[in-house]
Amino acid sequence: MYLLKREQNLGDFTRLFKQTCRREPNIRKMSQRLLVDMMMANADRLLRRRLMNLLSKQNPVPMIHLSMKTSDSPFRLEPSIIHVWDYSYPLLLSFGIGPTKGKTRLINLLFASNFEESLQDEYFYGTIDVDFGYNFTKRRPINIADAHGDISLKTLQHISKLFNGFLIHINAKHFMSNLSYVIDILNK
């Protein structure tokens, strides 16, 4: 909370926290994404809105989470994102089709963002974070969203209208052997 109140990047803190948690065998893999989601899930509506505002200043914010409850959809949209959404800047969604490595690292290098790289954890699979680019002296003229793992075609159809463009990462071998599926995604 102290770091968020000071509008700080949570990356260094979570790296140290993850290293400490790895020493304990009974603690699940921790991530910045998990900590933020737990904090948001346990806050009331007004506090979630304030947390989202503070978090967005130096950190990517969650857009789509894993659903905590049993429901029709395995994912849920973070409603507090509406309060920090900036419609005056275009929003690109970066996602992969099939097995891709280094996608988030590439996005971080190209756009000077600081998305957390996916862990081998089901908590990351299919989630999406957004970096609004507030952390620059002169604000970045584009907002970037990064999907962790594969996102389903159904989820992509539901959210595609929110984005002005897409950065699609695909392995050449996977592309050649799944051409009809790739074309289906591009058509959707």
N, C-alpha and C. Protein backbone atom coordinates (compact mmCIF):
# COMPACT_ATOMS: atom_id res chain seq x y z
N MET A 1 0.83 -1.19 0.00
CA MET A 1 0.00 0.00 0.00
C MET A 1 0.88 1.26 0.00
N TYR A 2 1.96 1.21 0.77
CA TYR A 2 2.85 2.37 0.84
C TYR A 2 3.44 2.67 -0.53
N LEU A 3 3.87 1.64 -1.24
CA LEU A 3 4.44 1.84 -2.57
C LEU A 3 3.39 2.39 -3.54
N LEU A 4 2.18 1.92 -3.44
CA LEU A 4 1.12 2.42 -4.32
C LEU A 4 0.78 3.87 -3.99
N LYS A 5 0.73 4.21 -2.71
CA LYS A 5 0.43 5.59 -2.33
C LYS A 5 1.49 6.54 -2.86
N ARG A 6 2.70 6.06 -2.97
CA ARG A 6 3.78 6.90 -3.52
C ARG A 6 3.89 6.76 -5.04
N GLU A 7 2.95 6.04 -5.64
CA GLU A 7 2.89 5.80 -7.09
C GLU A 7 4.19 5.19 -7.60
N GLN A 8 4.66 4.15 -6.90
CA GLN A 8 5.90 3.48 -7.23
C GLN A 8 5.64 2.22 -8.05
N ASN A 9 6.66 1.79 -8.78
CA ASN A 9 6.61 0.54 -9.51
C ASN A 9 6.77 -0.60 -8.51
N LEU A 10 5.93 -1.61 -8.61
CA LEU A 10 5.96 -2.73 -7.66
C LEU A 10 6.95 -3.82 -8.05
N GLY A 11 7.62 -3.69 -9.17
CA GLY A 11 8.51 -4.73 -9.69
C GLY A 11 9.61 -5.15 -8.74
N ASP A 12 10.35 -4.21 -8.19
CA ASP A 12 11.46 -4.55 -7.28
C ASP A 12 10.94 -5.24 -6.02
N PHE A 13 9.84 -4.71 -5.47
CA PHE A 13 9.27 -5.32 -4.27
C PHE A 13 8.84 -6.76 -4.53
N THR A 14 8.14 -6.99 -5.63
CA THR A 14 7.65 -8.34 -5.88
C THR A 14 8.78 -9.31 -6.21
N ARG A 15 9.86 -8.83 -6.83
CA ARG A 15 11.01 -9.72 -7.07
C ARG A 15 11.58 -10.22 -5.74
N LEU A 16 11.76 -9.33 -4.80
CA LEU A 16 12.27 -9.72 -3.48
C LEU A 16 11.28 -10.63 -2.75
N PHE A 17 10.02 -10.29 -2.86
CA PHE A 17 8.98 -11.09 -2.20
C PHE A 17 8.93 -12.51 -2.77
N LYS A 18 9.05 -12.61 -4.11
CA LYS A 18 9.04 -13.94 -4.75
C LYS A 18 10.24 -14.76 -4.32
N GLN A 19 11.41 -14.13 -4.23
CA GLN A 19 12.61 -14.84 -3.79
C GLN A 19 12.44 -15.37 -2.38
N THR A 20 11.85 -14.59 -1.51
CA THR A 20 11.61 -15.03 -0.13
C THR A 20 10.62 -16.17 -0.09
N CYS A 21 9.58 -16.10 -0.89
CA CYS A 21 8.55 -17.14 -0.90
C CYS A 21 9.06 -18.46 -1.47
N ARG A 22 10.03 -18.41 -2.38
CA ARG A 22 10.58 -19.64 -2.98
C ARG A 22 11.27 -20.51 -1.93
N ARG A 23 11.76 -19.88 -0.88
CA ARG A 23 12.45 -20.64 0.17
C ARG A 23 11.48 -21.47 1.01
N GLU A 24 10.22 -21.11 0.98
CA GLU A 24 9.21 -21.83 1.75
C GLU A 24 8.50 -22.84 0.85
N PRO A 25 8.59 -24.14 1.17
CA PRO A 25 8.03 -25.15 0.28
C PRO A 25 6.49 -25.18 0.26
N ASN A 26 5.82 -24.66 1.27
CA ASN A 26 4.37 -24.76 1.35
C ASN A 26 3.64 -23.54 0.80
N ILE A 27 4.37 -22.61 0.22
CA ILE A 27 3.75 -21.40 -0.32
C ILE A 27 3.74 -21.50 -1.83
N ARG A 28 2.59 -21.20 -2.42
CA ARG A 28 2.48 -21.27 -3.88
C ARG A 28 3.34 -20.19 -4.52
N LYS A 29 3.58 -20.32 -5.82
CA LYS A 29 4.35 -19.32 -6.55
C LYS A 29 3.63 -17.98 -6.44
N MET A 30 4.37 -16.98 -6.07
CA MET A 30 3.80 -15.64 -5.94
C MET A 30 4.15 -14.82 -7.17
N SER A 31 3.30 -13.87 -7.46
CA SER A 31 3.55 -12.96 -8.57
C SER A 31 2.92 -11.62 -8.23
N GLN A 32 3.36 -10.62 -8.92
CA GLN A 32 2.77 -9.30 -8.74
C GLN A 32 1.30 -9.34 -9.11
N ARG A 33 1.00 -10.07 -10.16
CA ARG A 33 -0.38 -10.20 -10.62
C ARG A 33 -1.28 -10.82 -9.54
N LEU A 34 -0.80 -11.87 -8.90
CA LEU A 34 -1.56 -12.52 -7.83
C LEU A 34 -1.75 -11.59 -6.65
N LEU A 35 -0.70 -10.87 -6.25
CA LEU A 35 -0.82 -9.95 -5.12
C LEU A 35 -1.82 -8.83 -5.41
N VAL A 36 -1.75 -8.27 -6.60
CA VAL A 36 -2.67 -7.20 -6.96
C VAL A 36 -4.09 -7.72 -6.99
N ASP A 37 -4.30 -8.90 -7.57
CA ASP A 37 -5.64 -9.45 -7.65
C ASP A 37 -6.20 -9.75 -6.25
N MET A 38 -5.37 -10.27 -5.37
CA MET A 38 -5.83 -10.54 -4.01
C MET A 38 -6.21 -9.25 -3.29
N MET A 39 -5.40 -8.22 -3.51
CA MET A 39 -5.68 -6.93 -2.89
C MET A 39 -7.00 -6.35 -3.43
N MET A 40 -7.20 -6.43 -4.73
CA MET A 40 -8.42 -5.90 -5.33
C MET A 40 -9.66 -6.70 -4.92
N ALA A 41 -9.51 -8.01 -4.87
CA ALA A 41 -10.64 -8.87 -4.52
C ALA A 41 -11.10 -8.66 -3.08
N ASN A 42 -10.19 -8.24 -2.21
CA ASN A 42 -10.53 -8.06 -0.80
C ASN A 42 -10.81 -6.61 -0.44
N ALA A 43 -10.94 -5.75 -1.41
CA ALA A 43 -11.23 -4.33 -1.17
C ALA A 43 -12.67 -4.04 -1.56
N ASP A 44 -13.25 -3.03 -0.93
CA ASP A 44 -14.59 -2.62 -1.33
C ASP A 44 -14.50 -1.82 -2.64
N ARG A 45 -15.64 -1.48 -3.19
CA ARG A 45 -15.71 -0.85 -4.51
C ARG A 45 -14.91 0.46 -4.58
N LEU A 46 -15.04 1.32 -3.59
CA LEU A 46 -14.33 2.60 -3.62
C LEU A 46 -12.83 2.43 -3.46
N LEU A 47 -12.41 1.51 -2.60
CA LEU A 47 -10.98 1.26 -2.43
C LEU A 47 -10.38 0.64 -3.70
N ARG A 48 -11.11 -0.27 -4.36
CA ARG A 48 -10.64 -0.87 -5.61
C ARG A 48 -10.41 0.22 -6.66
N ARG A 49 -11.31 1.16 -6.70
CA ARG A 49 -11.19 2.26 -7.67
C ARG A 49 -9.93 3.08 -7.37
N ARG A 50 -9.68 3.39 -6.12
CA ARG A 50 -8.50 4.16 -5.74
C ARG A 50 -7.22 3.37 -5.99
N LEU A 51 -7.24 2.07 -5.65
CA LEU A 51 -6.07 1.22 -5.89
C LEU A 51 -5.74 1.14 -7.37
N MET A 52 -6.76 1.02 -8.19
CA MET A 52 -6.55 0.96 -9.64
C MET A 52 -5.92 2.26 -10.14
N ASN A 53 -6.39 3.38 -9.63
CA ASN A 53 -5.84 4.67 -10.03
C ASN A 53 -4.36 4.78 -9.64
N LEU A 54 -4.02 4.40 -8.41
CA LEU A 54 -2.63 4.47 -7.96
C LEU A 54 -1.75 3.47 -8.70
N LEU A 55 -2.25 2.27 -8.89
CA LEU A 55 -1.50 1.21 -9.55
C LEU A 55 -1.16 1.59 -10.99
N SER A 56 -2.10 2.23 -11.68
CA SER A 56 -1.91 2.54 -13.10
C SER A 56 -0.81 3.57 -13.35
N LYS A 57 -0.38 4.29 -12.35
CA LYS A 57 0.62 5.34 -12.55
C LYS A 57 2.00 4.79 -12.90
N GLN A 58 2.37 3.60 -12.39
CA GLN A 58 3.70 3.05 -12.64
C GLN A 58 3.68 1.57 -13.00
N ASN A 59 2.51 0.96 -13.03
CA ASN A 59 2.42 -0.49 -13.20
C ASN A 59 1.33 -0.83 -14.21
N PRO A 60 1.48 -1.96 -14.87
CA PRO A 60 0.36 -2.46 -15.67
C PRO A 60 -0.78 -2.84 -14.72
N VAL A 61 -1.99 -2.65 -15.17
CA VAL A 61 -3.16 -2.97 -14.34
C VAL A 61 -3.89 -4.16 -14.93
N PRO A 62 -4.52 -4.96 -14.07
CA PRO A 62 -5.25 -6.12 -14.58
C PRO A 62 -6.53 -5.72 -15.31
N MET A 63 -6.74 -6.33 -16.45
CA MET A 63 -7.97 -6.11 -17.21
C MET A 63 -8.86 -7.35 -17.13
N ILE A 64 -8.25 -8.51 -17.35
CA ILE A 64 -8.98 -9.77 -17.25
C ILE A 64 -8.24 -10.68 -16.28
N HIS A 65 -8.98 -11.17 -15.29
CA HIS A 65 -8.45 -12.08 -14.26
C HIS A 65 -9.02 -13.48 -14.48
N LEU A 66 -8.43 -14.40 -13.80
CA LEU A 66 -9.02 -15.72 -13.67
C LEU A 66 -10.24 -15.57 -12.78
N SER A 67 -11.30 -16.28 -13.06
CA SER A 67 -12.49 -16.20 -12.22
C SER A 67 -12.24 -16.95 -10.92
N MET A 68 -12.55 -16.31 -9.81
CA MET A 68 -12.36 -16.95 -8.51
C MET A 68 -13.51 -17.89 -8.17
N LYS A 69 -14.65 -17.67 -8.81
CA LYS A 69 -15.84 -18.46 -8.52
C LYS A 69 -16.16 -19.37 -9.70
N THR A 70 -16.94 -20.36 -9.45
CA THR A 70 -17.41 -21.21 -10.54
C THR A 70 -18.47 -20.45 -11.31
N SER A 71 -18.25 -20.26 -12.58
CA SER A 71 -19.21 -19.54 -13.42
C SER A 71 -19.12 -20.06 -14.84
N ASP A 72 -19.92 -19.46 -15.71
CA ASP A 72 -19.91 -19.86 -17.12
C ASP A 72 -18.56 -19.56 -17.76
N SER A 73 -17.94 -18.46 -17.36
CA SER A 73 -16.68 -18.06 -17.94
C SER A 73 -15.54 -18.26 -16.95
N PRO A 74 -14.40 -18.77 -17.42
CA PRO A 74 -13.28 -18.93 -16.50
C PRO A 74 -12.57 -17.62 -16.21
N PHE A 75 -12.99 -16.52 -16.87
CA PHE A 75 -12.34 -15.24 -16.69
C PHE A 75 -13.35 -14.17 -16.31
N ARG A 76 -12.85 -13.10 -15.68
CA ARG A 76 -13.71 -11.98 -15.32
C ARG A 76 -13.01 -10.67 -15.64
N LEU A 77 -13.76 -9.72 -16.08
CA LEU A 77 -13.26 -8.39 -16.40
C LEU A 77 -13.12 -7.60 -15.10
N GLU A 78 -12.04 -6.87 -14.95
CA GLU A 78 -11.84 -6.02 -13.77
C GLU A 78 -12.65 -4.74 -13.97
N PRO A 79 -13.73 -4.54 -13.21
CA PRO A 79 -14.59 -3.37 -13.44
C PRO A 79 -13.93 -2.03 -13.10
N SER A 80 -12.97 -2.00 -12.20
CA SER A 80 -12.34 -0.75 -11.80
C SER A 80 -11.46 -0.14 -12.88
N ILE A 81 -11.16 -0.90 -13.93
CA ILE A 81 -10.30 -0.38 -14.99
C ILE A 81 -10.98 0.77 -15.75
N ILE A 82 -12.30 0.81 -15.70
CA ILE A 82 -13.03 1.86 -16.41
C ILE A 82 -12.66 3.24 -15.90
N HIS A 83 -12.24 3.34 -14.65
CA HIS A 83 -11.91 4.63 -14.04
C HIS A 83 -10.54 5.16 -14.45
N VAL A 84 -9.69 4.32 -15.02
CA VAL A 84 -8.37 4.78 -15.46
C VAL A 84 -8.20 4.64 -16.97
N TRP A 85 -9.21 4.11 -17.64
CA TRP A 85 -9.13 3.90 -19.09
C TRP A 85 -9.03 5.24 -19.79
N ASP A 86 -8.10 5.34 -20.71
CA ASP A 86 -7.90 6.57 -21.45
C ASP A 86 -8.30 6.32 -22.90
N TYR A 87 -9.45 6.84 -23.28
CA TYR A 87 -9.99 6.60 -24.62
C TYR A 87 -9.33 7.45 -25.69
N SER A 88 -8.56 8.47 -25.28
CA SER A 88 -7.95 9.35 -26.27
C SER A 88 -6.69 8.77 -26.91
N TYR A 89 -6.18 7.67 -26.35
CA TYR A 89 -5.00 7.01 -26.90
C TYR A 89 -5.39 5.63 -27.44
N PRO A 90 -4.83 5.22 -28.56
CA PRO A 90 -5.15 3.89 -29.08
C PRO A 90 -4.61 2.79 -28.17
N LEU A 91 -5.27 1.66 -28.19
CA LEU A 91 -4.89 0.52 -27.35
C LEU A 91 -4.61 -0.69 -28.23
N LEU A 92 -3.39 -1.25 -28.09
CA LEU A 92 -3.00 -2.44 -28.83
C LEU A 92 -3.02 -3.64 -27.91
N LEU A 93 -3.49 -4.78 -28.39
CA LEU A 93 -3.45 -6.03 -27.64
C LEU A 93 -2.37 -6.92 -28.23
N SER A 94 -1.46 -7.34 -27.39
CA SER A 94 -0.41 -8.27 -27.79
C SER A 94 -0.78 -9.65 -27.27
N PHE A 95 -0.87 -10.62 -28.16
CA PHE A 95 -1.17 -11.99 -27.74
C PHE A 95 -0.49 -12.98 -28.66
N GLY A 96 -0.35 -14.19 -28.15
CA GLY A 96 0.30 -15.23 -28.92
C GLY A 96 -0.68 -16.29 -29.35
N ILE A 97 -0.35 -16.94 -30.45
CA ILE A 97 -1.11 -18.10 -30.93
C ILE A 97 -0.17 -19.29 -30.86
N GLY A 98 -0.56 -20.26 -30.08
CA GLY A 98 0.29 -21.44 -29.92
C GLY A 98 1.46 -21.15 -29.00
N PRO A 99 2.45 -22.03 -29.02
CA PRO A 99 3.59 -21.86 -28.12
C PRO A 99 4.49 -20.70 -28.58
N THR A 100 4.60 -19.68 -27.74
CA THR A 100 5.49 -18.55 -28.03
C THR A 100 6.31 -18.26 -26.79
N LYS A 101 7.54 -17.90 -26.99
CA LYS A 101 8.42 -17.55 -25.87
C LYS A 101 8.97 -16.16 -26.09
N GLY A 102 9.09 -15.40 -25.01
CA GLY A 102 9.70 -14.09 -25.08
C GLY A 102 8.79 -12.97 -25.56
N LYS A 103 7.50 -13.25 -25.68
CA LYS A 103 6.55 -12.26 -26.17
C LYS A 103 6.50 -11.04 -25.25
N THR A 104 6.37 -11.26 -23.96
CA THR A 104 6.27 -10.15 -23.01
C THR A 104 7.59 -9.38 -22.93
N ARG A 105 8.69 -10.09 -22.98
CA ARG A 105 9.99 -9.43 -22.95
C ARG A 105 10.14 -8.52 -24.16
N LEU A 106 9.71 -8.98 -25.34
CA LEU A 106 9.76 -8.17 -26.55
C LEU A 106 8.90 -6.91 -26.41
N ILE A 107 7.69 -7.07 -25.91
CA ILE A 107 6.79 -5.93 -25.71
C ILE A 107 7.39 -4.93 -24.74
N ASN A 108 7.99 -5.43 -23.66
CA ASN A 108 8.63 -4.54 -22.68
C ASN A 108 9.78 -3.74 -23.31
N LEU A 109 10.55 -4.39 -24.17
CA LEU A 109 11.66 -3.69 -24.84
C LEU A 109 11.17 -2.69 -25.89
N LEU A 110 10.20 -3.07 -26.68
CA LEU A 110 9.70 -2.20 -27.76
C LEU A 110 8.98 -0.96 -27.24
N PHE A 111 8.19 -1.14 -26.18
CA PHE A 111 7.34 -0.05 -25.71
C PHE A 111 7.75 0.51 -24.34
N ALA A 112 8.90 0.06 -23.83
CA ALA A 112 9.39 0.50 -22.51
C ALA A 112 8.32 0.31 -21.44
N SER A 113 7.62 -0.80 -21.53
CA SER A 113 6.61 -1.15 -20.52
C SER A 113 7.25 -2.07 -19.50
N ASN A 114 6.51 -2.43 -18.47
CA ASN A 114 7.07 -3.32 -17.45
C ASN A 114 6.07 -4.40 -17.07
N PHE A 115 5.59 -5.11 -18.08
CA PHE A 115 4.69 -6.24 -17.83
C PHE A 115 5.46 -7.35 -17.13
N GLU A 116 4.80 -8.00 -16.21
CA GLU A 116 5.40 -9.14 -15.53
C GLU A 116 5.39 -10.32 -16.49
N GLU A 117 6.52 -10.99 -16.59
CA GLU A 117 6.59 -12.14 -17.48
C GLU A 117 5.85 -13.31 -16.86
N SER A 118 5.14 -14.07 -17.70
CA SER A 118 4.31 -15.17 -17.23
C SER A 118 5.13 -16.22 -16.49
N LEU A 119 4.52 -16.75 -15.48
CA LEU A 119 5.10 -17.88 -14.75
C LEU A 119 4.43 -19.15 -15.24
N GLN A 120 5.04 -20.27 -14.96
CA GLN A 120 4.39 -21.54 -15.24
C GLN A 120 3.36 -21.78 -14.15
N ASP A 121 2.30 -21.02 -14.21
CA ASP A 121 1.26 -21.04 -13.19
C ASP A 121 -0.08 -20.85 -13.88
N GLU A 122 -1.06 -21.64 -13.50
CA GLU A 122 -2.37 -21.53 -14.11
C GLU A 122 -3.01 -20.17 -13.85
N TYR A 123 -2.51 -19.44 -12.86
CA TYR A 123 -3.07 -18.14 -12.54
C TYR A 123 -2.83 -17.12 -13.66
N PHE A 124 -1.77 -17.27 -14.42
CA PHE A 124 -1.47 -16.35 -15.50
C PHE A 124 -2.21 -16.70 -16.79
N TYR A 125 -2.53 -17.94 -16.99
CA TYR A 125 -3.03 -18.43 -18.27
C TYR A 125 -4.29 -17.67 -18.72
N GLY A 126 -4.20 -16.97 -19.84
CA GLY A 126 -5.34 -16.30 -20.43
C GLY A 126 -5.72 -14.97 -19.80
N THR A 127 -4.89 -14.43 -18.92
CA THR A 127 -5.19 -13.14 -18.31
C THR A 127 -4.60 -12.01 -19.15
N ILE A 128 -5.10 -10.80 -18.95
CA ILE A 128 -4.63 -9.65 -19.72
C ILE A 128 -4.38 -8.48 -18.77
N ASP A 129 -3.24 -7.81 -18.97
CA ASP A 129 -2.88 -6.60 -18.23
C ASP A 129 -2.75 -5.45 -19.22
N VAL A 130 -2.95 -4.21 -18.75
CA VAL A 130 -2.85 -3.03 -19.60
C VAL A 130 -1.85 -2.05 -18.98
N ASP A 131 -0.98 -1.52 -19.82
CA ASP A 131 -0.04 -0.48 -19.41
C ASP A 131 -0.47 0.80 -20.13
N PHE A 132 -0.90 1.80 -19.33
CA PHE A 132 -1.39 3.05 -19.90
C PHE A 132 -0.29 4.07 -20.18
N GLY A 133 0.96 3.73 -19.86
CA GLY A 133 2.08 4.59 -20.23
C GLY A 133 2.18 5.89 -19.45
N TYR A 134 1.62 5.95 -18.25
CA TYR A 134 1.71 7.16 -17.44
C TYR A 134 3.10 7.38 -16.87
N ASN A 135 3.94 6.35 -16.86
CA ASN A 135 5.23 6.42 -16.18
C ASN A 135 6.32 7.13 -16.98
N PHE A 136 5.99 7.76 -18.07
CA PHE A 136 6.97 8.49 -18.87
C PHE A 136 6.85 9.98 -18.57
N THR A 137 7.97 10.71 -18.72
CA THR A 137 7.93 12.16 -18.56
C THR A 137 6.96 12.74 -19.58
N LYS A 138 7.16 12.35 -20.84
CA LYS A 138 6.18 12.67 -21.87
C LYS A 138 5.42 11.38 -22.13
N ARG A 139 4.15 11.40 -21.88
CA ARG A 139 3.34 10.20 -21.94
C ARG A 139 3.46 9.49 -23.28
N ARG A 140 3.57 8.14 -23.21
CA ARG A 140 3.64 7.34 -24.44
C ARG A 140 2.32 7.51 -25.20
N PRO A 141 2.36 7.68 -26.52
CA PRO A 141 1.13 7.97 -27.28
C PRO A 141 0.29 6.74 -27.59
N ILE A 142 0.56 5.63 -26.94
CA ILE A 142 -0.21 4.41 -27.19
C ILE A 142 -0.28 3.60 -25.89
N ASN A 143 -1.41 2.95 -25.69
CA ASN A 143 -1.59 2.05 -24.55
C ASN A 143 -1.39 0.62 -25.04
N ILE A 144 -0.80 -0.20 -24.18
CA ILE A 144 -0.47 -1.58 -24.57
C ILE A 144 -1.15 -2.55 -23.61
N ALA A 145 -1.76 -3.59 -24.17
CA ALA A 145 -2.32 -4.68 -23.37
C ALA A 145 -1.56 -5.95 -23.72
N ASP A 146 -1.26 -6.75 -22.70
CA ASP A 146 -0.49 -7.97 -22.91
C ASP A 146 -1.28 -9.15 -22.37
N ALA A 147 -1.50 -10.14 -23.23
CA ALA A 147 -2.19 -11.36 -22.82
C ALA A 147 -1.14 -12.39 -22.40
N HIS A 148 -1.38 -13.02 -21.28
CA HIS A 148 -0.48 -14.06 -20.76
C HIS A 148 -1.01 -15.42 -21.19
N GLY A 149 -0.15 -16.21 -21.80
CA GLY A 149 -0.59 -17.52 -22.28
C GLY A 149 -1.54 -17.35 -23.46
N ASP A 150 -2.27 -18.39 -23.77
CA ASP A 150 -3.25 -18.33 -24.86
C ASP A 150 -4.55 -17.72 -24.34
N ILE A 151 -5.16 -16.91 -25.18
CA ILE A 151 -6.51 -16.46 -24.85
C ILE A 151 -7.46 -17.19 -25.78
N SER A 152 -8.60 -17.54 -25.27
CA SER A 152 -9.55 -18.32 -26.05
C SER A 152 -10.17 -17.46 -27.15
N LEU A 153 -10.64 -18.12 -28.17
CA LEU A 153 -11.30 -17.44 -29.28
C LEU A 153 -12.54 -16.71 -28.78
N LYS A 154 -13.26 -17.34 -27.85
CA LYS A 154 -14.47 -16.73 -27.28
C LYS A 154 -14.14 -15.44 -26.54
N THR A 155 -13.09 -15.47 -25.71
CA THR A 155 -12.67 -14.27 -24.98
C THR A 155 -12.23 -13.19 -25.96
N LEU A 156 -11.47 -13.58 -26.96
CA LEU A 156 -10.99 -12.62 -27.97
C LEU A 156 -12.17 -11.95 -28.68
N GLN A 157 -13.20 -12.72 -29.01
CA GLN A 157 -14.38 -12.15 -29.66
C GLN A 157 -15.08 -11.14 -28.75
N HIS A 158 -15.15 -11.44 -27.45
CA HIS A 158 -15.84 -10.55 -26.52
C HIS A 158 -15.11 -9.21 -26.34
N ILE A 159 -13.79 -9.24 -26.36
CA ILE A 159 -13.03 -8.03 -26.02
C ILE A 159 -12.41 -7.33 -27.22
N SER A 160 -12.47 -7.90 -28.40
CA SER A 160 -11.73 -7.36 -29.56
C SER A 160 -12.13 -5.93 -29.92
N LYS A 161 -13.35 -5.56 -29.67
CA LYS A 161 -13.80 -4.21 -30.03
C LYS A 161 -13.20 -3.12 -29.15
N LEU A 162 -12.59 -3.51 -28.03
CA LEU A 162 -11.94 -2.54 -27.14
C LEU A 162 -10.60 -2.08 -27.67
N PHE A 163 -10.04 -2.80 -28.63
CA PHE A 163 -8.68 -2.55 -29.10
C PHE A 163 -8.67 -1.93 -30.48
N ASN A 164 -7.67 -1.08 -30.70
CA ASN A 164 -7.50 -0.43 -32.00
C ASN A 164 -6.59 -1.24 -32.93
N GLY A 165 -5.85 -2.17 -32.36
CA GLY A 165 -4.95 -2.98 -33.17
C GLY A 165 -4.44 -4.16 -32.36
N PHE A 166 -3.77 -5.07 -33.05
CA PHE A 166 -3.30 -6.30 -32.42
C PHE A 166 -1.86 -6.59 -32.83
N LEU A 167 -1.07 -7.05 -31.90
CA LEU A 167 0.27 -7.57 -32.18
C LEU A 167 0.18 -9.06 -31.92
N ILE A 168 0.24 -9.83 -32.98
CA ILE A 168 0.04 -11.28 -32.86
C ILE A 168 1.38 -11.97 -33.02
N HIS A 169 1.73 -12.78 -32.03
CA HIS A 169 2.99 -13.51 -32.03
C HIS A 169 2.68 -14.97 -32.33
N ILE A 170 3.43 -15.52 -33.28
CA ILE A 170 3.21 -16.93 -33.63
C ILE A 170 4.52 -17.53 -34.14
N ASN A 171 4.76 -18.74 -33.73
CA ASN A 171 5.92 -19.50 -34.16
C ASN A 171 5.68 -19.93 -35.61
N ALA A 172 6.68 -19.83 -36.47
CA ALA A 172 6.53 -20.16 -37.89
C ALA A 172 6.06 -21.60 -38.10
N LYS A 173 6.62 -22.53 -37.35
CA LYS A 173 6.22 -23.94 -37.49
C LYS A 173 4.75 -24.13 -37.09
N HIS A 174 4.35 -23.48 -36.00
CA HIS A 174 2.95 -23.56 -35.55
C HIS A 174 2.02 -22.91 -36.58
N PHE A 175 2.48 -21.82 -37.17
CA PHE A 175 1.69 -21.12 -38.18
C PHE A 175 1.41 -22.03 -39.37
N MET A 176 2.45 -22.69 -39.85
CA MET A 176 2.30 -23.55 -41.03
C MET A 176 1.42 -24.76 -40.76
N SER A 177 1.49 -25.31 -39.57
CA SER A 177 0.70 -26.51 -39.28
C SER A 177 -0.71 -26.20 -38.79
N ASN A 178 -1.02 -24.95 -38.50
CA ASN A 178 -2.36 -24.56 -38.00
C ASN A 178 -2.91 -23.37 -38.77
N LEU A 179 -2.67 -23.34 -40.04
CA LEU A 179 -3.03 -22.19 -40.88
C LEU A 179 -4.52 -21.86 -40.81
N SER A 180 -5.38 -22.86 -40.87
CA SER A 180 -6.82 -22.58 -40.86
C SER A 180 -7.25 -21.97 -39.51
N TYR A 181 -6.66 -22.42 -38.40
CA TYR A 181 -6.99 -21.85 -37.08
C TYR A 181 -6.52 -20.39 -37.00
N VAL A 182 -5.34 -20.11 -37.51
CA VAL A 182 -4.82 -18.74 -37.51
C VAL A 182 -5.71 -17.83 -38.35
N ILE A 183 -6.13 -18.30 -39.50
CA ILE A 183 -7.01 -17.51 -40.36
C ILE A 183 -8.34 -17.28 -39.65
N ASP A 184 -8.85 -18.28 -38.94
CA ASP A 184 -10.10 -18.14 -38.19
C ASP A 184 -9.96 -17.05 -37.13
N ILE A 185 -8.84 -17.03 -36.42
CA ILE A 185 -8.61 -15.98 -35.41
C ILE A 185 -8.53 -14.61 -36.07
N LEU A 186 -7.82 -14.51 -37.17
CA LEU A 186 -7.70 -13.23 -37.86
C LEU A 186 -9.06 -12.74 -38.37
N ASN A 187 -9.91 -13.64 -38.81
CA ASN A 187 -11.24 -13.26 -39.25
C ASN A 187 -12.13 -12.77 -38.11
N LYS A 188 -11.95 -13.37 -36.95
CA LYS A 188 -12.75 -12.97 -35.79
C LYS A 188 -12.33 -11.61 -35.31
